[in-house]
PDB file of N, CA and C in Angstrom:
ATOM      1  N   MET A   1     -53.851 -10.764   5.795  1.00  0.00           N
ATOM      2  CA  MET A   1     -53.489 -11.029   4.410  1.00  0.00           C
ATOM      3  C   MET A   1     -54.300 -12.202   3.903  1.00  0.00           C
ATOM      4  N   THR A   2     -54.655 -12.146   2.668  1.00  0.00           N
ATOM      5  CA  THR A   2     -55.408 -13.187   1.998  1.00  0.00           C
ATOM      6  C   THR A   2     -54.536 -14.418   1.790  1.00  0.00           C
ATOM      7  N   ASP A   3     -55.142 -15.605   1.952  1.00  0.00           N
ATOM      8  CA  ASP A   3     -54.405 -16.831   1.667  1.00  0.00           C
ATOM      9  C   ASP A   3     -54.109 -16.901   0.178  1.00  0.00           C
ATOM     10  N   THR A   4     -52.857 -17.169  -0.137  1.00  0.00           N
ATOM     11  CA  THR A   4     -52.411 -17.257  -1.516  1.00  0.00           C
ATOM     12  C   THR A   4     -51.575 -18.516  -1.669  1.00  0.00           C
ATOM     13  N   TYR A   5     -51.896 -19.312  -2.669  1.00  0.00           N
ATOM     14  CA  TYR A   5     -51.188 -20.562  -2.929  1.00  0.00           C
ATOM     15  C   TYR A   5     -50.461 -20.442  -4.260  1.00  0.00           C
ATOM     16  N   VAL A   6     -49.162 -20.671  -4.230  1.00  0.00           N
ATOM     17  CA  VAL A   6     -48.330 -20.520  -5.428  1.00  0.00           C
ATOM     18  C   VAL A   6     -47.883 -21.901  -5.887  1.00  0.00           C
ATOM     19  N   ARG A   7     -48.030 -22.128  -7.192  1.00  0.00           N
ATOM     20  CA  ARG A   7     -47.631 -23.403  -7.773  1.00  0.00           C
ATOM     21  C   ARG A   7     -46.797 -23.164  -9.025  1.00  0.00           C
ATOM     22  N   LEU A   8     -45.717 -23.915  -9.154  1.00  0.00           N
ATOM     23  CA  LEU A   8     -44.923 -23.905 -10.384  1.00  0.00           C
ATOM     24  C   LEU A   8     -45.454 -25.012 -11.271  1.00  0.00           C
ATOM     25  N   VAL A   9     -45.910 -24.650 -12.464  1.00  0.00           N
ATOM     26  CA  VAL A   9     -46.466 -25.630 -13.403  1.00  0.00           C
ATOM     27  C   VAL A   9     -45.980 -25.292 -14.811  1.00  0.00           C
ATOM     28  N   PRO A  10     -45.837 -26.293 -15.667  1.00  0.00           N
ATOM     29  CA  PRO A  10     -45.481 -25.983 -17.053  1.00  0.00           C
ATOM     30  C   PRO A  10     -46.688 -25.344 -17.757  1.00  0.00           C
ATOM     31  N   LEU A  11     -46.482 -24.158 -18.270  1.00  0.00           N
ATOM     32  CA  LEU A  11     -47.524 -23.425 -18.990  1.00  0.00           C
ATOM     33  C   LEU A  11     -47.041 -23.174 -20.413  1.00  0.00           C
ATOM     34  N   PRO A  12     -47.952 -22.777 -21.310  1.00  0.00           N
ATOM     35  CA  PRO A  12     -47.502 -22.414 -22.657  1.00  0.00           C
ATOM     36  C   PRO A  12     -46.419 -21.339 -22.578  1.00  0.00           C
ATOM     37  N   VAL A  13     -45.529 -21.332 -23.536  1.00  0.00           N
ATOM     38  CA  VAL A  13     -44.351 -20.460 -23.528  1.00  0.00           C
ATOM     39  C   VAL A  13     -44.720 -18.989 -23.291  1.00  0.00           C
ATOM     40  N   LYS A  14     -45.793 -18.511 -23.893  1.00  0.00           N
ATOM     41  CA  LYS A  14     -46.148 -17.091 -23.789  1.00  0.00           C
ATOM     42  C   LYS A  14     -46.886 -16.740 -22.504  1.00  0.00           C
ATOM     43  N   VAL A  15     -47.214 -17.731 -21.685  1.00  0.00           N
ATOM     44  CA  VAL A  15     -47.925 -17.482 -20.425  1.00  0.00           C
ATOM     45  C   VAL A  15     -46.923 -17.578 -19.282  1.00  0.00           C
ATOM     46  N   GLU A  16     -46.645 -16.431 -18.654  1.00  0.00           N
ATOM     47  CA  GLU A  16     -45.684 -16.426 -17.557  1.00  0.00           C
ATOM     48  C   GLU A  16     -46.333 -16.755 -16.228  1.00  0.00           C
ATOM     49  N   GLY A  17     -47.566 -16.310 -16.034  1.00  0.00           N
ATOM     50  CA  GLY A  17     -48.258 -16.575 -14.785  1.00  0.00           C
ATOM     51  C   GLY A  17     -49.737 -16.282 -14.905  1.00  0.00           C
ATOM     52  N   VAL A  18     -50.509 -16.914 -14.033  1.00  0.00           N
ATOM     53  CA  VAL A  18     -51.965 -16.745 -14.008  1.00  0.00           C
ATOM     54  C   VAL A  18     -52.399 -16.788 -12.549  1.00  0.00           C
ATOM     55  N   THR A  19     -53.330 -15.915 -12.191  1.00  0.00           N
ATOM     56  CA  THR A  19     -53.903 -15.930 -10.844  1.00  0.00           C
ATOM     57  C   THR A  19     -55.397 -16.158 -10.949  1.00  0.00           C
ATOM     58  N   LEU A  20     -55.900 -17.047 -10.097  1.00  0.00           N
ATOM     59  CA  LEU A  20     -57.327 -17.348 -10.065  1.00  0.00           C
ATOM     60  C   LEU A  20     -57.872 -17.108  -8.663  1.00  0.00           C
ATOM     61  N   PRO A  21     -58.950 -16.310  -8.542  1.00  0.00           N
ATOM     62  CA  PRO A  21     -59.574 -16.133  -7.231  1.00  0.00           C
ATOM     63  C   PRO A  21     -60.452 -17.349  -6.920  1.00  0.00           C
ATOM     64  N   ASN A  22     -60.513 -17.713  -5.652  1.00  0.00           N
ATOM     65  CA  ASN A  22     -61.349 -18.823  -5.202  1.00  0.00           C
ATOM     66  C   ASN A  22     -62.566 -18.291  -4.454  1.00  0.00           C
ATOM     67  N   ASP A  23     -63.591 -19.099  -4.363  1.00  0.00           N
ATOM     68  CA  ASP A  23     -64.827 -18.693  -3.699  1.00  0.00           C
ATOM     69  C   ASP A  23     -64.628 -18.307  -2.239  1.00  0.00           C
ATOM     70  N   ASP A  24     -63.608 -18.845  -1.580  1.00  0.00           N
ATOM     71  CA  ASP A  24     -63.379 -18.558  -0.163  1.00  0.00           C
ATOM     72  C   ASP A  24     -62.533 -17.298   0.051  1.00  0.00           C
ATOM     73  N   GLY A  25     -62.218 -16.570  -1.013  1.00  0.00           N
ATOM     74  CA  GLY A  25     -61.428 -15.347  -0.903  1.00  0.00           C
ATOM     75  C   GLY A  25     -59.937 -15.564  -1.055  1.00  0.00           C
ATOM     76  N   SER A  26     -59.508 -16.813  -1.148  1.00  0.00           N
ATOM     77  CA  SER A  26     -58.090 -17.094  -1.365  1.00  0.00           C
ATOM     78  C   SER A  26     -57.781 -17.026  -2.857  1.00  0.00           C
ATOM     79  N   PHE A  27     -56.491 -17.117  -3.193  1.00  0.00           N
ATOM     80  CA  PHE A  27     -56.055 -17.052  -4.579  1.00  0.00           C
ATOM     81  C   PHE A  27     -55.081 -18.176  -4.879  1.00  0.00           C
ATOM     82  N   ASP A  28     -55.151 -18.698  -6.095  1.00  0.00           N
ATOM     83  CA  ASP A  28     -54.173 -19.649  -6.609  1.00  0.00           C
ATOM     84  C   ASP A  28     -53.354 -18.926  -7.665  1.00  0.00           C
ATOM     85  N   ILE A  29     -52.038 -18.921  -7.494  1.00  0.00           N
ATOM     86  CA  ILE A  29     -51.140 -18.325  -8.480  1.00  0.00           C
ATOM     87  C   ILE A  29     -50.358 -19.456  -9.132  1.00  0.00           C
ATOM     88  N   TYR A  30     -50.401 -19.501 -10.445  1.00  0.00           N
ATOM     89  CA  TYR A  30     -49.664 -20.490 -11.216  1.00  0.00           C
ATOM     90  C   TYR A  30     -48.541 -19.765 -11.962  1.00  0.00           C
ATOM     91  N   ILE A  31     -47.311 -20.187 -11.719  1.00  0.00           N
ATOM     92  CA  ILE A  31     -46.131 -19.591 -12.348  1.00  0.00           C
ATOM     93  C   ILE A  31     -45.545 -20.620 -13.308  1.00  0.00           C
ATOM     94  N   ASN A  32     -45.153 -20.160 -14.479  1.00  0.00           N
ATOM     95  CA  ASN A  32     -44.595 -21.057 -15.494  1.00  0.00           C
ATOM     96  C   ASN A  32     -43.257 -21.623 -15.011  1.00  0.00           C
ATOM     97  N   ALA A  33     -43.211 -22.936 -14.856  1.00  0.00           N
ATOM     98  CA  ALA A  33     -41.998 -23.618 -14.390  1.00  0.00           C
ATOM     99  C   ALA A  33     -40.869 -23.531 -15.404  1.00  0.00           C
ATOM    100  N   ARG A  34     -41.174 -23.153 -16.635  1.00  0.00           N
ATOM    101  CA  ARG A  34     -40.152 -23.072 -17.686  1.00  0.00           C
ATOM    102  C   ARG A  34     -39.362 -21.772 -17.641  1.00  0.00           C
ATOM    103  N   LEU A  35     -39.761 -20.834 -16.792  1.00  0.00           N
ATOM    104  CA  LEU A  35     -39.062 -19.552 -16.672  1.00  0.00           C
ATOM    105  C   LEU A  35     -37.831 -19.710 -15.788  1.00  0.00           C
ATOM    106  N   SER A  36     -36.889 -18.800 -15.947  1.00  0.00           N
ATOM    107  CA  SER A  36     -35.723 -18.781 -15.059  1.00  0.00           C
ATOM    108  C   SER A  36     -36.206 -18.425 -13.648  1.00  0.00           C
ATOM    109  N   PRO A  37     -35.438 -18.787 -12.621  1.00  0.00           N
ATOM    110  CA  PRO A  37     -35.833 -18.424 -11.260  1.00  0.00           C
ATOM    111  C   PRO A  37     -36.053 -16.914 -11.078  1.00  0.00           C
ATOM    112  N   ALA A  38     -35.215 -16.103 -11.706  1.00  0.00           N
ATOM    113  CA  ALA A  38     -35.375 -14.647 -11.592  1.00  0.00           C
ATOM    114  C   ALA A  38     -36.692 -14.200 -12.225  1.00  0.00           C
ATOM    115  N   ARG A  39     -37.011 -14.748 -13.378  1.00  0.00           N
ATOM    116  CA  ARG A  39     -38.255 -14.377 -14.059  1.00  0.00           C
ATOM    117  C   ARG A  39     -39.465 -14.927 -13.305  1.00  0.00           C
ATOM    118  N   GLN A  40     -39.338 -16.080 -12.686  1.00  0.00           N
ATOM    119  CA  GLN A  40     -40.424 -16.610 -11.862  1.00  0.00           C
ATOM    120  C   GLN A  40     -40.721 -15.659 -10.709  1.00  0.00           C
ATOM    121  N   GLN A  41     -39.675 -15.123 -10.083  1.00  0.00           N
ATOM    122  CA  GLN A  41     -39.857 -14.173  -8.979  1.00  0.00           C
ATOM    123  C   GLN A  41     -40.538 -12.897  -9.466  1.00  0.00           C
ATOM    124  N   GLN A  42     -40.123 -12.376 -10.608  1.00  0.00           N
ATOM    125  CA  GLN A  42     -40.750 -11.172 -11.167  1.00  0.00           C
ATOM    126  C   GLN A  42     -42.222 -11.431 -11.489  1.00  0.00           C
ATOM    127  N   THR A  43     -42.500 -12.605 -12.024  1.00  0.00           N
ATOM    128  CA  THR A  43     -43.879 -12.955 -12.370  1.00  0.00           C
ATOM    129  C   THR A  43     -44.724 -13.079 -11.114  1.00  0.00           C
ATOM    130  N   LEU A  44     -44.176 -13.678 -10.071  1.00  0.00           N
ATOM    131  CA  LEU A  44     -44.907 -13.777  -8.803  1.00  0.00           C
ATOM    132  C   LEU A  44     -45.221 -12.393  -8.258  1.00  0.00           C
ATOM    133  N   GLU A  45     -44.258 -11.495  -8.268  1.00  0.00           N
ATOM    134  CA  GLU A  45     -44.493 -10.128  -7.791  1.00  0.00           C
ATOM    135  C   GLU A  45     -45.581  -9.445  -8.611  1.00  0.00           C
ATOM    136  N   HIS A  46     -45.579  -9.642  -9.919  1.00  0.00           N
ATOM    137  CA  HIS A  46     -46.603  -9.090 -10.805  1.00  0.00           C
ATOM    138  C   HIS A  46     -47.982  -9.614 -10.399  1.00  0.00           C
ATOM    139  N   GLU A  47     -48.085 -10.921 -10.220  1.00  0.00           N
ATOM    140  CA  GLU A  47     -49.374 -11.524  -9.868  1.00  0.00           C
ATOM    141  C   GLU A  47     -49.849 -11.049  -8.498  1.00  0.00           C
ATOM    142  N   LEU A  48     -48.939 -10.892  -7.550  1.00  0.00           N
ATOM    143  CA  LEU A  48     -49.316 -10.396  -6.228  1.00  0.00           C
ATOM    144  C   LEU A  48     -49.823  -8.964  -6.289  1.00  0.00           C
ATOM    145  N   ARG A  49     -49.268  -8.151  -7.195  1.00  0.00           N
ATOM    146  CA  ARG A  49     -49.765  -6.775  -7.356  1.00  0.00           C
ATOM    147  C   ARG A  49     -51.207  -6.786  -7.870  1.00  0.00           C
ATOM    148  N   HIS A  50     -51.561  -7.755  -8.709  1.00  0.00           N
ATOM    149  CA  HIS A  50     -52.965  -7.880  -9.127  1.00  0.00           C
ATOM    150  C   HIS A  50     -53.862  -8.085  -7.904  1.00  0.00           C
ATOM    151  N   ILE A  51     -53.432  -8.950  -7.000  1.00  0.00           N
ATOM    152  CA  ILE A  51     -54.233  -9.230  -5.801  1.00  0.00           C
ATOM    153  C   ILE A  51     -54.309  -7.996  -4.915  1.00  0.00           C
ATOM    154  N   ARG A  52     -53.172  -7.355  -4.646  1.00  0.00           N
ATOM    155  CA  ARG A  52     -53.149  -6.181  -3.770  1.00  0.00           C
ATOM    156  C   ARG A  52     -54.002  -5.042  -4.313  1.00  0.00           C
ATOM    157  N   ARG A  53     -54.106  -4.928  -5.602  1.00  0.00           N
ATOM    158  CA  ARG A  53     -54.878  -3.838  -6.210  1.00  0.00           C
ATOM    159  C   ARG A  53     -56.334  -4.236  -6.492  1.00  0.00           C
ATOM    160  N   ASP A  54     -56.737  -5.403  -6.001  1.00  0.00           N
ATOM    161  CA  ASP A  54     -58.121  -5.868  -6.146  1.00  0.00           C
ATOM    162  C   ASP A  54     -58.573  -5.931  -7.598  1.00  0.00           C
ATOM    163  N   HIS A  55     -57.685  -6.274  -8.512  1.00  0.00           N
ATOM    164  CA  HIS A  55     -58.019  -6.313  -9.932  1.00  0.00           C
ATOM    165  C   HIS A  55     -59.112  -7.318 -10.274  1.00  0.00           C
ATOM    166  N   PHE A  56     -59.347  -8.286  -9.418  1.00  0.00           N
ATOM    167  CA  PHE A  56     -60.339  -9.312  -9.722  1.00  0.00           C
ATOM    168  C   PHE A  56     -61.750  -8.840  -9.435  1.00  0.00           C
ATOM    169  N   TYR A  57     -61.903  -7.650  -8.857  1.00  0.00           N
ATOM    170  CA  TYR A  57     -63.211  -7.139  -8.471  1.00  0.00           C
ATOM    171  C   TYR A  57     -63.490  -5.767  -9.067  1.00  0.00           C
ATOM    172  N   LEU A  58     -62.738  -5.382 -10.090  1.00  0.00           N
ATOM    173  CA  LEU A  58     -62.881  -4.046 -10.666  1.00  0.00           C
ATOM    174  C   LEU A  58     -63.364  -4.104 -12.105  1.00  0.00           C
ATOM    175  N   ASP A  59     -64.073  -3.069 -12.485  1.00  0.00           N
ATOM    176  CA  ASP A  59     -64.465  -2.897 -13.882  1.00  0.00           C
ATOM    177  C   ASP A  59     -63.445  -1.947 -14.496  1.00  0.00           C
ATOM    178  N   MET A  60     -62.357  -2.526 -14.976  1.00  0.00           N
ATOM    179  CA  MET A  60     -61.261  -1.748 -15.537  1.00  0.00           C
ATOM    180  C   MET A  60     -60.706  -2.548 -16.712  1.00  0.00           C
ATOM    181  N   PRO A  61     -60.328  -1.894 -17.789  1.00  0.00           N
ATOM    182  CA  PRO A  61     -59.741  -2.633 -18.915  1.00  0.00           C
ATOM    183  C   PRO A  61     -58.527  -3.445 -18.468  1.00  0.00           C
ATOM    184  N   VAL A  62     -58.416  -4.645 -18.992  1.00  0.00           N
ATOM    185  CA  VAL A  62     -57.310  -5.537 -18.646  1.00  0.00           C
ATOM    186  C   VAL A  62     -55.969  -4.865 -18.934  1.00  0.00           C
ATOM    187  N   SER A  63     -55.891  -4.100 -20.017  1.00  0.00           N
ATOM    188  CA  SER A  63     -54.625  -3.441 -20.351  1.00  0.00           C
ATOM    189  C   SER A  63     -54.181  -2.497 -19.233  1.00  0.00           C
ATOM    190  N   ARG A  64     -55.134  -1.818 -18.585  1.00  0.00           N
ATOM    191  CA  ARG A  64     -54.797  -0.917 -17.468  1.00  0.00           C
ATOM    192  C   ARG A  64     -54.348  -1.717 -16.254  1.00  0.00           C
ATOM    193  N   MET A  65     -55.041  -2.837 -15.995  1.00  0.00           N
ATOM    194  CA  MET A  65     -54.662  -3.667 -14.857  1.00  0.00           C
ATOM    195  C   MET A  65     -53.258  -4.235 -15.042  1.00  0.00           C
ATOM    196  N   GLU A  66     -52.952  -4.649 -16.261  1.00  0.00           N
ATOM    197  CA  GLU A  66     -51.610  -5.182 -16.533  1.00  0.00           C
ATOM    198  C   GLU A  66     -50.545  -4.107 -16.345  1.00  0.00           C
ATOM    199  N   ARG A  67     -50.841  -2.888 -16.786  1.00  0.00           N
ATOM    200  CA  ARG A  67     -49.882  -1.792 -16.609  1.00  0.00           C
ATOM    201  C   ARG A  67     -49.676  -1.486 -15.126  1.00  0.00           C
ATOM    202  N   GLN A  68     -50.757  -1.523 -14.345  1.00  0.00           N
ATOM    203  CA  GLN A  68     -50.627  -1.318 -12.903  1.00  0.00           C
ATOM    204  C   GLN A  68     -49.816  -2.435 -12.271  1.00  0.00           C
ATOM    205  N   ALA A  69     -50.096  -3.673 -12.660  1.00  0.00           N
ATOM    206  CA  ALA A  69     -49.366  -4.815 -12.089  1.00  0.00           C
ATOM    207  C   ALA A  69     -47.893  -4.788 -12.491  1.00  0.00           C
ATOM    208  N   ASP A  70     -47.582  -4.115 -13.590  1.00  0.00           N
ATOM    209  CA  ASP A  70     -46.185  -3.943 -13.995  1.00  0.00           C
ATOM    210  C   ASP A  70     -45.514  -2.796 -13.243  1.00  0.00           C
ATOM    211  N   GLY A  71     -46.284  -2.106 -12.391  1.00  0.00           N
ATOM    212  CA  GLY A  71     -45.716  -1.056 -11.557  1.00  0.00           C
ATOM    213  C   GLY A  71     -46.043   0.357 -11.977  1.00  0.00           C
ATOM    214  N   GLU A  72     -46.752   0.528 -13.078  1.00  0.00           N
ATOM    215  CA  GLU A  72     -47.105   1.877 -13.537  1.00  0.00           C
ATOM    216  C   GLU A  72     -48.268   2.405 -12.699  1.00  0.00           C
ATOM    217  N   GLU A  73     -48.140   3.628 -12.205  1.00  0.00           N
ATOM    218  CA  GLU A  73     -49.216   4.240 -11.441  1.00  0.00           C
ATOM    219  C   GLU A  73     -50.228   4.858 -12.407  1.00  0.00           C
ATOM    220  N   LEU A  74     -51.453   4.425 -12.302  1.00  0.00           N
ATOM    221  CA  LEU A  74     -52.521   4.939 -13.156  1.00  0.00           C
ATOM    222  C   LEU A  74     -53.597   5.553 -12.293  1.00  0.00           C
ATOM    223  N   ASN A  75     -54.123   6.676 -12.708  1.00  0.00           N
ATOM    224  CA  ASN A  75     -55.227   7.315 -12.022  1.00  0.00           C
ATOM    225  C   ASN A  75     -56.511   6.791 -12.644  1.00  0.00           C
ATOM    226  N   ALA A  76     -57.217   5.954 -11.925  1.00  0.00           N
ATOM    227  CA  ALA A  76     -58.414   5.330 -12.492  1.00  0.00           C
ATOM    228  C   ALA A  76     -59.544   5.330 -11.477  1.00  0.00           C
ATOM    229  N   VAL A  77     -60.767   5.529 -11.966  1.00  0.00           N
ATOM    230  CA  VAL A  77     -61.945   5.393 -11.128  1.00  0.00           C
ATOM    231  C   VAL A  77     -62.227   3.909 -11.001  1.00  0.00           C
ATOM    232  N   LEU A  78     -62.436   3.450  -9.780  1.00  0.00           N
ATOM    233  CA  LEU A  78     -62.644   2.035  -9.533  1.00  0.00           C
ATOM    234  C   LEU A  78     -64.115   1.755  -9.285  1.00  0.00           C
ATOM    235  N   HIS A  79     -64.759   1.077 -10.205  1.00  0.00           N
ATOM    236  CA  HIS A  79     -66.170   0.721 -10.082  1.00  0.00           C
ATOM    237  C   HIS A  79     -66.338  -0.757 -10.356  1.00  0.00           C
ATOM    238  N   PRO A  80     -67.226  -1.414  -9.619  1.00  0.00           N
ATOM    239  CA  PRO A  80     -67.497  -2.822  -9.937  1.00  0.00           C
ATOM    240  C   PRO A  80     -68.334  -2.906 -11.208  1.00  0.00           C
ATOM    241  N   PRO A  81     -68.350  -4.066 -11.866  1.00  0.00           N
ATOM    242  CA  PRO A  81     -69.197  -4.233 -13.041  1.00  0.00           C
ATOM    243  C   PRO A  81     -70.661  -4.016 -12.677  1.00  0.00           C
ATOM    244  N   ALA A  82     -71.462  -3.623 -13.646  1.00  0.00           N
ATOM    245  CA  ALA A  82     -72.893  -3.382 -13.426  1.00  0.00           C
ATOM    246  C   ALA A  82     -73.538  -4.606 -12.781  1.00  0.00           C
ATOM    247  N   GLY A  83     -74.294  -4.368 -11.734  1.00  0.00           N
ATOM    248  CA  GLY A  83     -74.984  -5.450 -11.055  1.00  0.00           C
ATOM    249  C   GLY A  83     -74.143  -6.199 -10.043  1.00  0.00           C
ATOM    250  N   MET A  84     -72.865  -5.825  -9.898  1.00  0.00           N
ATOM    251  CA  MET A  84     -71.978  -6.517  -8.961  1.00  0.00           C
ATOM    252  C   MET A  84     -71.720  -5.626  -7.751  1.00  0.00           C
ATOM    253  N   ILE A  85     -71.520  -6.241  -6.621  1.00  0.00           N
ATOM    254  CA  ILE A  85     -71.164  -5.534  -5.399  1.00  0.00           C
ATOM    255  C   ILE A  85     -69.655  -5.639  -5.247  1.00  0.00           C
ATOM    256  N   PRO A  86     -68.962  -4.512  -5.000  1.00  0.00           N
ATOM    257  CA  PRO A  86     -67.509  -4.614  -4.853  1.00  0.00           C
ATOM    258  C   PRO A  86     -67.164  -5.469  -3.641  1.00  0.00           C
ATOM    259  N   CYS A  87     -66.129  -6.254  -3.758  1.00  0.00           N
ATOM    260  CA  CYS A  87     -65.660  -7.124  -2.687  1.00  0.00           C
ATOM    261  C   CYS A  87     -64.201  -6.779  -2.425  1.00  0.00           C
ATOM    262  N   PHE A  88     -63.860  -6.563  -1.177  1.00  0.00           N
ATOM    263  CA  PHE A  88     -62.510  -6.150  -0.834  1.00  0.00           C
ATOM    264  C   PHE A  88     -61.886  -7.146   0.125  1.00  0.00           C
ATOM    265  N   ALA A  89     -60.619  -7.424  -0.087  1.00  0.00           N
ATOM    266  CA  ALA A  89     -59.906  -8.413   0.715  1.00  0.00           C
ATOM    267  C   ALA A  89     -59.635  -7.916   2.130  1.00  0.00           C
ATOM    268  N   SER A  90     -59.693  -6.602   2.341  1.00  0.00           N
ATOM    269  CA  SER A  90     -59.391  -6.060   3.661  1.00  0.00           C
ATOM    270  C   SER A  90     -59.991  -4.665   3.783  1.00  0.00           C
ATOM    271  N   GLU A  91     -60.024  -4.170   5.020  1.00  0.00           N
ATOM    272  CA  GLU A  91     -60.484  -2.798   5.236  1.00  0.00           C
ATOM    273  C   GLU A  91     -59.538  -1.805   4.576  1.00  0.00           C
ATOM    274  N   THR A  92     -58.263  -2.138   4.523  1.00  0.00           N
ATOM    275  CA  THR A  92     -57.283  -1.274   3.869  1.00  0.00           C
ATOM    276  C   THR A  92     -57.592  -1.148   2.383  1.00  0.00           C
ATOM    277  N   ALA A  93     -57.949  -2.266   1.739  1.00  0.00           N
ATOM    278  CA  ALA A  93     -58.304  -2.235   0.318  1.00  0.00           C
ATOM    279  C   ALA A  93     -59.556  -1.385   0.101  1.00  0.00           C
ATOM    280  N   LEU A  94     -60.543  -1.519   0.987  1.00  0.00           N
ATOM    281  CA  LEU A  94     -61.756  -0.716   0.893  1.00  0.00           C
ATOM    282  C   LEU A  94     -61.432   0.766   1.067  1.00  0.00           C
ATOM    283  N   ALA A  95     -60.604   1.095   2.059  1.00  0.00           N
ATOM    284  CA  ALA A  95     -60.227   2.489   2.286  1.00  0.00           C
ATOM    285  C   ALA A  95     -59.494   3.062   1.081  1.00  0.00           C
ATOM    286  N   HIS A  96     -58.613   2.256   0.475  1.00  0.00           N
ATOM    287  CA  HIS A  96     -57.899   2.694  -0.716  1.00  0.00           C
ATOM    288  C   HIS A  96     -58.887   2.983  -1.852  1.00  0.00           C
ATOM    289  N   TRP A  97     -59.832   2.101  -2.053  1.00  0.00           N
ATOM    290  CA  TRP A  97     -60.837   2.260  -3.105  1.00  0.00           C
ATOM    291  C   TRP A  97     -61.665   3.522  -2.859  1.00  0.00           C
ATOM    292  N   LEU A  98     -62.127   3.715  -1.623  1.00  0.00           N
ATOM    293  CA  LEU A  98     -62.929   4.898  -1.307  1.00  0.00           C
ATOM    294  C   LEU A  98     -62.121   6.180  -1.478  1.00  0.00           C
ATOM    295  N   GLY A  99     -60.862   6.147  -1.065  1.00  0.00           N
ATOM    296  CA  GLY A  99     -60.001   7.321  -1.242  1.00  0.00           C
ATOM    297  C   GLY A  99     -59.838   7.690  -2.700  1.00  0.00           C
ATOM    298  N   ASN A 100     -59.604   6.687  -3.554  1.00  0.00           N
ATOM    299  CA  ASN A 100     -59.481   6.947  -4.995  1.00  0.00           C
ATOM    300  C   ASN A 100     -60.787   7.482  -5.574  1.00  0.00           C
ATOM    301  N   LEU A 101     -61.901   6.895  -5.163  1.00  0.00           N
ATOM    302  CA  LEU A 101     -63.202   7.340  -5.667  1.00  0.00           C
ATOM    303  C   LEU A 101     -63.474   8.782  -5.247  1.00  0.00           C
ATOM    304  N   CYS A 102     -63.191   9.112  -3.994  1.00  0.00           N
ATOM    305  CA  CYS A 102     -63.415  10.477  -3.514  1.00  0.00           C
ATOM    306  C   CYS A 102     -62.516  11.473  -4.231  1.00  0.00           C
ATOM    307  N   THR A 103     -61.294  11.091  -4.495  1.00  0.00           N
ATOM    308  CA  THR A 103     -60.386  11.961  -5.247  1.00  0.00           C
ATOM    309  C   THR A 103     -60.937  12.225  -6.629  1.00  0.00           C
ATOM    310  N   GLN A 104     -61.415  11.170  -7.294  1.00  0.00           N
ATOM    311  CA  GLN A 104     -61.971  11.318  -8.635  1.00  0.00           C
ATOM    312  C   GLN A 104     -63.210  12.214  -8.640  1.00  0.00           C
ATOM    313  N   LEU A 105     -64.014  12.122  -7.586  1.00  0.00           N
ATOM    314  CA  LEU A 105     -65.254  12.899  -7.510  1.00  0.00           C
ATOM    315  C   LEU A 105     -65.051  14.272  -6.877  1.00  0.00           C
ATOM    316  N   GLY A 106     -63.852  14.532  -6.363  1.00  0.00           N
ATOM    317  CA  GLY A 106     -63.579  15.818  -5.708  1.00  0.00           C
ATOM    318  C   GLY A 106     -64.230  15.961  -4.356  1.00  0.00           C
ATOM    319  N   VAL A 107     -64.441  14.832  -3.665  1.00  0.00           N
ATOM    320  CA  VAL A 107     -65.083  14.850  -2.349  1.00  0.00           C
ATOM    321  C   VAL A 107     -64.009  14.846  -1.274  1.00  0.00           C
ATOM    322  N   ASP A 108     -64.140  15.728  -0.289  1.00  0.00           N
ATOM    323  CA  ASP A 108     -63.209  15.783   0.831  1.00  0.00           C
ATOM    324  C   ASP A 108     -63.834  15.045   2.004  1.00  0.00           C
ATOM    325  N   LEU A 109     -63.296  13.887   2.353  1.00  0.00           N
ATOM    326  CA  LEU A 109     -63.842  13.090   3.453  1.00  0.00           C
ATOM    327  C   LEU A 109     -63.701  13.780   4.803  1.00  0.00           C
ATOM    328  N   GLY A 110     -62.822  14.767   4.889  1.00  0.00           N
ATOM    329  CA  GLY A 110     -62.645  15.486   6.135  1.00  0.00           C
ATOM    330  C   GLY A 110     -63.859  16.311   6.511  1.00  0.00           C
ATOM    331  N   ASN A 111     -64.699  16.613   5.546  1.00  0.00           N
ATOM    332  CA  ASN A 111     -65.889  17.441   5.801  1.00  0.00           C
ATOM    333  C   ASN A 111     -67.139  16.604   6.060  1.00  0.00           C
ATOM    334  N   ILE A 112     -66.982  15.309   6.114  1.00  0.00           N
ATOM    335  CA  ILE A 112     -68.170  14.449   6.304  1.00  0.00           C
ATOM    336  C   ILE A 112     -68.264  14.051   7.752  1.00  0.00           C
TER     337      ILE A 112
END
């Protein structure tokens, strides 16, 4: 699992949480200290879903990433931005990405 550091900090009222990737592959999650404990937990779970779904390394509209982090299952082709090499936090994340890409392209990995 990737190192993740969670901090409670006062943020603007409309900002519930923010996650920032670090150069070493770890993540800093900032949760609004002004939220109720229950809402802080929900926000943390939301931010962790961003990390698990590799949203920081995908070329996908932010609105789709937010919907996924809210728990909605979306069928999306996962491509890195032009000129970027995809980076995955684990072999499991890479396998998930390849599986989704093969499904989108209609490729059966069993025949390779």
